[in-house]
Amino acid sequence: MAQVIKKGLTALFGWVGLRALIGKAPRRSNRPGPGENLPVCSKYPNCVSSQASDAEHAIEPFAYSGPAEQAQAALKRALSNVERSRIVVERPGYISAVARSKVFGFVDDLDFLFDPEEPLIHVRSAARLGRRDFDVNRQRMERIRQLFQAEQR
């Protein structure tokens, strides 16, 4: 019985230590302004961006029709349907959100920048920690694209 309790306490303290480490993920400070570009993805496969030129990081921007203000409202509605995510910055032509992983609470940054010249929304999703994301950011952005397209109808 003592062995079981000892193993349980070891697992609990390991979990608490991991959560403390995760809780210290760096904060975002570089958010683009009008006419600027999204932050560049690192060399690691833990990010996707519609402004990336390499195949590993590239993803298509979101297309929309109608006024940009209506598209931004539709994007907000779509994001409200993404589990464990929340908008942290919103201004005309730009939305920044964060999403947390289900088990460990890892934080990913999501950026949506409206192109001032074309009806496109440039997107970026990147893990704050780690070198790999096992395609989670790409899958999440494609899910948001589907939700956004449904909101546009």
Foldseek 3Di string as FASTA:
>chain_A
DVVVVVVVVVVVVVLVVLLVVLVPQDDDDDDDDPPDDDDDDDPFLFKAKCPDDDPSRHDNWAAADDDQVLLVVLLQVLQVPDPQKDWDDDDRQKTKMWHADDPNGFIKIKIWGQHPPHRTTIIMIGTRDDRHDPCPRVVSVVSSSVSSVVSRD
